[in-house]
Amino acid sequence: MRRDRPLLAIGLWILLSLATLFPIYWLFVVSVKPAVDLFTTPSLFLDTVYWDNYAKVLTNETLRRYMMNSIIISTGNAVLVTTLAFMACYALSRYDLGGKENIFFWTITNRMAPAAVFLLPFFLLFTQVFTIGEWKLYDTRIGMILLYCTFNLPFAIWTLRPTIEGIPKELDEAATVDGSSTWQVIAEVIFPLARPGLAVTLILTWVFAWNEFLLAATLTSFNARTITTGLSEYVTTTGTEWGTMASIAIITLIPALVIFAVVQRHIVAGLTFGAVKE
């Protein structure tokens, strides 16, 4: 029985890997098939590769604009959210604030409600309230960056909390005794030790902003429209361009996969930081 356990574990790992990777493989198969072949007998294997779907996407100026919007909005939101969450976690973990646990719980409640609940309030805020002359937050990159803070900031605070609390307060006190100011303690002591947790928070919030569809589809029209909302433009009354949609989906997967591959070591370290305490 003991000898069979490694084989059983390997078999389960292979099955789980296949179940996870098969949808991505099938998405790629659809993306490199012409429209005529998609409605014939489906095949798991490729006889020929049809790259015109990717050429159509990469040469489309509108889709390139959507991709740039996604990159700017996701990166701007991730940096802003991670910075605010880092400062909030430092303050809540280092200062004896009354009702600290209640504050932590209140922040996560903003994440509990579905995004659809906020559609109407945010639409009215973006189009009616936050206006200066003809300028509105609606259909602007800065508006989407600030909007995603509503959902990503609570998550970032709870993700970073174990990391900051896992750093001994004695290090702060020692640095203060040596003459360091609060900002020097944050920059030279807390920040270097919290980098794994910060990397996890940055990447996860980036992915959440990158994948978001509902709010982006409602609160943008063209100038700040993201690549995920571009998929809906290929569902028309005359039919659905499955090959083009699949190629866009594959392209949107690439940045996230590259980032995860580059910072995988920091992600593993950040998720386990502070999990074990003496």
Protein backbone atom coordinates (compact mmCIF):
# COMPACT_ATOMS: atom_id res chain seq x y z
CA MET A 1 0.00 0.00 0.00
CA ARG A 2 2.80 2.41 0.86
CA ARG A 3 4.51 1.71 -2.45
CA ASP A 4 1.31 2.45 -4.31
CA ARG A 5 0.80 5.83 -2.67
CA PRO A 6 3.38 7.71 -4.80
CA LEU A 7 1.90 6.20 -7.96
CA LEU A 8 -1.60 7.15 -6.84
CA ALA A 9 -0.47 10.68 -6.06
CA ILE A 10 1.20 10.98 -9.46
CA GLY A 11 -1.93 9.66 -11.18
CA LEU A 12 -4.17 12.16 -9.38
CA TRP A 13 -1.73 14.97 -10.19
CA ILE A 14 -1.82 14.04 -13.89
CA LEU A 15 -5.64 13.91 -13.92
CA LEU A 16 -5.94 17.27 -12.19
CA SER A 17 -3.39 18.79 -14.58
CA LEU A 18 -5.28 17.48 -17.60
CA ALA A 19 -8.59 18.76 -16.23
CA THR A 20 -7.03 22.19 -15.69
CA LEU A 21 -5.13 22.46 -18.97
CA PHE A 22 -7.68 20.90 -21.33
CA PRO A 23 -9.97 24.00 -21.52
CA ILE A 24 -6.93 26.12 -22.41
CA TYR A 25 -5.86 23.57 -25.04
CA TRP A 26 -9.37 23.47 -26.50
CA LEU A 27 -9.45 27.28 -26.55
CA PHE A 28 -6.23 27.24 -28.57
CA VAL A 29 -7.65 24.63 -30.96
CA VAL A 30 -10.69 26.82 -31.60
CA SER A 31 -8.46 29.86 -32.14
CA VAL A 32 -6.47 28.21 -34.96
CA LYS A 33 -9.40 26.76 -36.88
CA PRO A 34 -11.33 28.47 -39.68
CA ALA A 35 -15.00 29.20 -39.06
CA VAL A 36 -16.16 26.41 -41.39
CA ASP A 37 -14.27 23.71 -39.46
CA LEU A 38 -15.73 24.81 -36.12
CA PHE A 39 -19.21 23.62 -37.15
CA THR A 40 -18.11 20.25 -38.50
CA THR A 41 -17.30 17.18 -36.43
CA PRO A 42 -15.12 18.41 -33.55
CA SER A 43 -11.60 17.01 -33.35
CA LEU A 44 -9.14 17.13 -30.47
CA PHE A 45 -6.19 17.21 -32.84
CA LEU A 46 -5.11 19.78 -35.41
CA ASP A 47 -4.73 18.80 -39.04
CA THR A 48 -3.84 22.33 -40.13
CA VAL A 49 -3.14 25.54 -38.25
CA TYR A 50 -5.09 28.64 -39.29
CA TRP A 51 -3.31 31.77 -38.00
CA ASP A 52 -5.59 34.32 -39.65
CA ASN A 53 -7.61 34.74 -36.44
CA TYR A 54 -4.50 35.97 -34.62
CA ALA A 55 -3.50 38.18 -37.53
CA LYS A 56 -6.98 39.72 -37.49
CA VAL A 57 -6.67 40.51 -33.79
CA LEU A 58 -3.09 41.79 -33.80
CA THR A 59 -3.68 44.09 -36.77
CA ASN A 60 -6.87 45.55 -35.32
CA GLU A 61 -6.05 49.04 -34.03
CA THR A 62 -9.13 49.11 -31.77
CA LEU A 63 -8.14 45.87 -30.04
CA ARG A 64 -4.58 47.13 -29.58
CA ARG A 65 -6.03 50.20 -27.87
CA TYR A 66 -8.14 47.97 -25.62
CA MET A 67 -5.06 45.94 -24.73
CA MET A 68 -3.12 49.08 -23.81
CA ASN A 69 -6.03 50.26 -21.69
CA SER A 70 -6.04 46.95 -19.84
CA ILE A 71 -2.31 47.14 -19.18
CA ILE A 72 -2.46 50.73 -17.90
CA ILE A 73 -5.57 50.22 -15.76
CA SER A 74 -4.44 46.91 -14.27
CA THR A 75 -0.91 48.11 -13.52
CA GLY A 76 -2.04 51.47 -12.13
CA ASN A 77 -4.65 49.84 -9.91
CA ALA A 78 -2.27 47.13 -8.67
CA VAL A 79 0.42 49.65 -7.72
CA LEU A 80 -2.05 52.01 -6.03
CA VAL A 81 -3.87 49.25 -4.14
CA THR A 82 -0.66 47.56 -2.97
CA THR A 83 0.75 50.87 -1.72
CA LEU A 84 -2.41 51.79 0.18
CA ALA A 85 -2.78 48.29 1.61
CA PHE A 86 0.84 48.27 2.75
CA MET A 87 0.45 51.56 4.62
CA ALA A 88 -2.91 50.51 6.10
CA CYS A 89 -1.57 47.17 7.33
CA TYR A 90 1.46 48.86 8.86
CA ALA A 91 -0.69 51.34 10.75
CA LEU A 92 -3.17 48.73 11.95
CA SER A 93 -0.48 46.29 13.05
CA ARG A 94 1.95 48.72 14.67
CA TYR A 95 -0.37 51.15 16.46
CA ASP A 96 -2.75 50.24 19.26
CA LEU A 97 -5.97 51.37 17.62
CA GLY A 98 -9.33 50.73 19.25
CA GLY A 99 -11.60 48.42 17.28
CA LYS A 100 -8.77 47.22 15.04
CA GLU A 101 -10.42 43.86 14.39
CA ASN A 102 -13.69 45.59 13.53
CA ILE A 103 -11.86 47.73 10.99
CA PHE A 104 -10.33 44.64 9.36
CA PHE A 105 -13.74 42.95 9.20
CA TRP A 106 -15.40 46.07 7.81
CA THR A 107 -12.89 46.27 4.96
CA ILE A 108 -13.59 42.72 3.82
CA THR A 109 -17.36 43.28 3.82
CA ASN A 110 -16.87 45.53 0.79
CA ARG A 111 -15.65 42.45 -1.04
CA MET A 112 -18.58 40.23 -0.06
CA ALA A 113 -21.26 41.89 -2.19
CA PRO A 114 -21.41 40.99 -5.90
CA ALA A 115 -20.19 43.61 -8.35
CA ALA A 116 -23.65 43.91 -9.91
CA VAL A 117 -24.93 45.53 -6.71
CA PHE A 118 -22.65 48.52 -7.31
CA LEU A 119 -23.42 49.04 -10.99
CA LEU A 120 -26.17 51.67 -10.64
CA PRO A 121 -24.52 53.68 -7.81
CA PHE A 122 -21.20 53.79 -9.63
CA PHE A 123 -22.85 54.69 -12.94
CA LEU A 124 -24.57 57.67 -11.31
CA LEU A 125 -21.36 58.71 -9.52
CA PHE A 126 -19.30 58.48 -12.70
CA THR A 127 -21.76 60.30 -14.95
CA GLN A 128 -23.51 62.77 -12.62
CA VAL A 129 -21.65 63.42 -9.36
CA PHE A 130 -17.92 63.38 -10.12
CA THR A 131 -18.02 65.87 -12.98
CA ILE A 132 -16.00 69.00 -13.69
CA GLY A 133 -17.45 70.77 -16.70
CA GLU A 134 -17.41 68.25 -19.52
CA TRP A 135 -14.92 66.00 -17.73
CA LYS A 136 -16.33 62.91 -16.05
CA LEU A 137 -14.90 59.75 -14.54
CA TYR A 138 -17.01 57.76 -16.97
CA ASP A 139 -14.93 56.12 -19.71
CA THR A 140 -11.58 57.26 -18.29
CA ARG A 141 -8.58 55.21 -17.25
CA ILE A 142 -8.19 57.05 -13.95
CA GLY A 143 -11.85 56.36 -13.21
CA MET A 144 -11.40 52.60 -13.71
CA ILE A 145 -8.21 52.58 -11.63
CA LEU A 146 -10.03 54.23 -8.73
CA LEU A 147 -13.11 52.06 -9.23
CA TYR A 148 -11.21 48.79 -8.89
CA CYS A 149 -9.79 50.01 -5.57
CA THR A 150 -13.25 49.46 -4.09
CA PHE A 151 -12.93 45.70 -4.57
CA ASN A 152 -9.19 45.08 -4.66
CA LEU A 153 -8.14 47.16 -1.64
CA PRO A 154 -10.02 45.05 0.96
CA PHE A 155 -8.55 41.88 -0.55
CA ALA A 156 -5.06 43.40 -0.57
CA ILE A 157 -5.32 44.45 3.09
CA TRP A 158 -6.31 40.95 4.17
CA THR A 159 -3.59 39.38 2.01
CA LEU A 160 -0.87 41.63 3.42
CA ARG A 161 -2.00 41.49 7.03
CA PRO A 162 -0.21 38.21 7.97
CA THR A 163 2.97 39.43 6.27
CA ILE A 164 3.17 42.72 8.18
CA GLU A 165 2.12 41.18 11.47
CA GLY A 166 4.72 38.44 11.00
CA ILE A 167 7.53 41.01 11.10
CA PRO A 168 8.64 41.43 14.76
CA LYS A 169 7.96 44.85 16.27
CA GLU A 170 11.36 44.66 17.95
CA LEU A 171 12.95 45.44 14.58
CA ASP A 172 11.01 48.71 14.43
CA GLU A 173 12.05 49.58 17.98
CA ALA A 174 15.69 48.79 17.28
CA ALA A 175 15.69 50.98 14.18
CA THR A 176 13.99 53.79 16.10
CA VAL A 177 16.60 53.59 18.85
CA ASP A 178 19.29 53.93 16.17
CA GLY A 179 17.71 57.22 15.11
CA SER A 180 15.51 56.13 12.20
CA SER A 181 12.30 58.01 11.52
CA THR A 182 8.99 56.25 10.88
CA TRP A 183 9.40 56.55 7.11
CA GLN A 184 12.94 55.18 7.31
CA VAL A 185 11.69 52.23 9.34
CA ILE A 186 9.03 51.55 6.71
CA ALA A 187 11.42 51.92 3.77
CA GLU A 188 14.50 50.21 5.20
CA VAL A 189 13.07 47.59 7.58
CA ILE A 190 9.46 46.72 6.83
CA PHE A 191 9.46 47.01 3.04
CA PRO A 192 12.44 44.68 2.34
CA LEU A 193 11.03 42.00 4.67
CA ALA A 194 7.52 42.33 3.23
CA ARG A 195 8.53 42.03 -0.43
CA PRO A 196 7.23 38.44 -0.89
CA GLY A 197 3.80 39.43 0.45
CA LEU A 198 3.83 42.60 -1.59
CA ALA A 199 4.62 40.59 -4.72
CA VAL A 200 1.66 38.27 -4.09
CA THR A 201 -0.67 41.20 -3.46
CA LEU A 202 0.54 43.08 -6.52
CA ILE A 203 0.12 40.12 -8.86
CA LEU A 204 -3.28 38.99 -7.57
CA THR A 205 -4.77 42.49 -7.68
CA TRP A 206 -3.31 42.95 -11.15
CA VAL A 207 -4.99 39.75 -12.34
CA PHE A 208 -8.32 40.73 -10.76
CA ALA A 209 -8.26 44.10 -12.52
CA TRP A 210 -7.11 42.49 -15.77
CA ASN A 211 -9.92 39.91 -15.82
CA GLU A 212 -12.78 42.17 -14.69
CA PHE A 213 -15.58 42.44 -17.24
CA LEU A 214 -18.91 43.61 -15.79
CA LEU A 215 -17.91 47.03 -14.47
CA ALA A 216 -15.64 47.74 -17.42
CA ALA A 217 -18.44 46.91 -19.86
CA THR A 218 -20.86 49.23 -18.04
CA LEU A 219 -18.64 52.21 -17.17
CA THR A 220 -16.63 52.51 -20.37
CA SER A 221 -17.61 53.05 -23.99
CA PHE A 222 -14.41 53.42 -26.06
CA ASN A 223 -11.61 55.52 -24.55
CA ALA A 224 -11.04 53.27 -21.50
CA ARG A 225 -12.54 50.03 -22.81
CA THR A 226 -10.51 46.97 -21.83
CA ILE A 227 -9.57 43.88 -23.81
CA THR A 228 -11.97 41.64 -21.89
CA THR A 229 -14.90 43.78 -22.98
CA GLY A 230 -13.63 43.58 -26.56
CA LEU A 231 -14.74 39.94 -26.63
CA SER A 232 -18.39 40.97 -26.54
CA GLU A 233 -18.01 42.91 -29.78
CA TYR A 234 -17.71 39.63 -31.69
CA VAL A 235 -21.13 38.40 -30.55
CA THR A 236 -23.47 39.97 -33.08
CA THR A 237 -26.95 39.44 -34.46
CA THR A 238 -25.46 37.77 -37.54
CA GLY A 239 -23.41 35.25 -35.59
CA THR A 240 -20.53 34.74 -33.19
CA GLU A 241 -16.92 34.80 -34.37
CA TRP A 242 -15.69 31.97 -32.17
CA GLY A 243 -12.22 31.79 -33.68
CA THR A 244 -11.53 35.49 -33.17
CA MET A 245 -12.90 35.41 -29.62
CA ALA A 246 -10.73 32.39 -28.79
CA SER A 247 -7.62 34.07 -30.18
CA ILE A 248 -8.30 37.19 -28.08
CA ALA A 249 -8.76 35.00 -25.00
CA ILE A 250 -5.43 33.25 -25.64
CA ILE A 251 -3.66 36.59 -26.08
CA THR A 252 -5.11 37.91 -22.81
CA LEU A 253 -3.79 34.83 -21.00
CA ILE A 254 -0.19 35.44 -22.04
CA PRO A 255 0.65 38.51 -19.85
CA ALA A 256 -0.71 36.85 -16.70
CA LEU A 257 1.16 33.60 -17.42
CA VAL A 258 4.42 35.47 -18.00
CA ILE A 259 4.07 37.46 -14.78
CA PHE A 260 3.24 34.36 -12.74
CA ALA A 261 6.23 32.52 -14.20
CA VAL A 262 8.60 35.39 -13.39
CA VAL A 263 7.50 35.94 -9.79
CA GLN A 264 6.49 32.38 -8.90
CA ARG A 265 9.18 32.14 -6.21
CA HIS A 266 7.93 35.32 -4.51
CA ILE A 267 4.32 34.11 -4.69
CA VAL A 268 5.10 30.86 -2.85
CA ALA A 269 7.15 32.71 -0.23
CA GLY A 270 4.50 35.40 0.22
CA LEU A 271 1.62 32.96 0.66
CA THR A 272 3.46 31.08 3.40
CA PHE A 273 4.97 34.12 5.14
CA GLY A 274 3.66 34.47 8.66
CA ALA A 275 1.67 31.23 8.44
CA VAL A 276 3.76 29.60 11.16
CA LYS A 277 4.44 31.42 14.39
CA GLU A 278 6.35 30.35 17.43
